[in-house]
């Protein structure tokens, strides 16, 4: 897993997204903005149904990473697997 700016991260199941797209999605949701998908459109709204207050930099990043954020919204992680190939018992 690469975490430096400009790198990619692979999620369970093989979805690879830019770290910056993941950080953008986290930053928007940390501000209580609601992200959703309508067809090929990424919808962003404020929790109070008002217009979200986005900076020019955020708008540019949203345009840049739109399809990656849409992929994150559609992502369904696979069921977790055991850490051990066989049942493990403590001696």
Protein backbone atom coordinates (compact mmCIF):
# COMPACT_ATOMS: atom_id res chain seq x y z
CA UNK A 1 0.00 0.00 0.00
CA UNK A 2 1.34 3.41 -0.98
CA UNK A 3 0.22 6.38 1.06
CA UNK A 4 2.29 9.31 -0.20
CA UNK A 5 0.54 12.05 -2.16
CA UNK A 6 0.02 10.93 -5.72
CA UNK A 7 0.10 7.26 -4.75
CA UNK A 8 -2.56 4.58 -4.96
CA UNK A 9 -4.15 2.31 -2.40
CA UNK A 10 -5.60 -1.12 -3.14
CA UNK A 11 -8.73 -1.97 -1.18
CA UNK A 12 -9.79 -5.53 -0.40
CA UNK A 13 -11.23 -7.06 -3.52
CA UNK A 14 -8.75 -5.28 -5.77
CA UNK A 15 -10.21 -1.78 -6.17
CA UNK A 16 -7.30 0.63 -6.65
CA UNK A 17 -7.89 4.33 -6.11
CA UNK A 18 -5.62 7.34 -5.78
CA UNK A 19 -4.85 8.20 -2.17
CA UNK A 20 -5.88 11.78 -2.92
CA UNK A 21 -9.36 10.60 -4.02
CA UNK A 22 -9.76 8.70 -0.75
CA UNK A 23 -8.59 11.72 1.24
CA UNK A 24 -11.04 13.95 -0.65
CA UNK A 25 -13.97 11.64 0.10
CA UNK A 26 -12.96 11.49 3.77
CA UNK A 27 -12.55 15.28 4.00
CA UNK A 28 -15.99 15.89 2.49
CA UNK A 29 -17.75 13.36 4.71
CA UNK A 30 -15.86 14.65 7.78
CA UNK A 31 -17.60 17.97 7.08
CA UNK A 32 -20.97 16.17 7.20
CA UNK A 33 -21.43 16.47 3.45
CA UNK A 34 -23.45 13.68 1.87
CA UNK A 35 -22.00 12.00 -1.22
CA UNK A 36 -24.26 10.04 -3.53
CA UNK A 37 -24.45 8.82 -7.10
CA UNK A 38 -27.15 9.58 -9.67
CA UNK A 39 -26.26 7.75 -12.86
CA UNK A 40 -22.81 9.03 -13.77
CA UNK A 41 -23.20 12.14 -11.62
CA UNK A 42 -21.61 12.67 -8.24
CA UNK A 43 -24.01 14.52 -5.96
CA UNK A 44 -22.74 16.42 -2.93
CA UNK A 45 -25.13 18.04 -0.53
CA UNK A 46 -25.03 19.47 2.95
CA UNK A 47 -26.62 17.52 5.79
CA UNK A 48 -29.23 20.28 6.13
CA UNK A 49 -30.11 19.90 2.40
CA UNK A 50 -28.49 23.25 1.69
CA UNK A 51 -25.86 23.95 -0.91
CA UNK A 52 -22.44 22.73 0.26
CA UNK A 53 -19.81 25.40 0.84
CA UNK A 54 -16.95 24.17 -1.35
CA UNK A 55 -13.68 25.98 -2.05
CA UNK A 56 -12.34 26.37 -5.59
CA UNK A 57 -9.62 23.86 -4.71
CA UNK A 58 -12.21 21.32 -3.53
CA UNK A 59 -14.27 21.82 -6.69
CA UNK A 60 -11.16 21.22 -8.82
CA UNK A 61 -10.35 18.03 -6.87
CA UNK A 62 -13.95 16.84 -7.15
CA UNK A 63 -13.76 17.25 -10.93
CA UNK A 64 -10.38 15.50 -11.03
CA UNK A 65 -11.40 12.53 -8.87
CA UNK A 66 -15.11 12.27 -9.69
CA UNK A 67 -14.97 8.77 -11.16
CA UNK A 68 -12.74 7.49 -8.37
CA UNK A 69 -15.13 8.82 -5.71
CA UNK A 70 -18.04 7.22 -7.61
CA UNK A 71 -16.13 3.92 -7.55
CA UNK A 72 -15.67 4.30 -3.78
CA UNK A 73 -19.40 4.92 -3.35
CA UNK A 74 -20.19 1.75 -5.31
CA UNK A 75 -17.50 -0.33 -3.60
CA UNK A 76 -18.68 -3.42 -1.74
CA UNK A 77 -15.80 -5.01 0.20
CA UNK A 78 -15.59 -8.79 0.10
CA UNK A 79 -16.35 -10.79 3.20
CA UNK A 80 -13.35 -10.83 5.54
CA UNK A 81 -11.39 -14.03 5.64
CA UNK A 82 -9.69 -15.65 8.57
CA UNK A 83 -6.12 -14.65 9.34
CA UNK A 84 -5.31 -18.35 9.67
CA UNK A 85 -5.56 -20.99 6.96
CA UNK A 86 -6.55 -23.59 9.51
CA UNK A 87 -8.22 -23.35 12.91
CA UNK A 88 -5.73 -22.14 15.49
CA UNK A 89 -5.63 -23.28 19.09
CA UNK A 90 -3.43 -21.89 21.80
CA UNK A 91 -1.25 -24.59 23.41
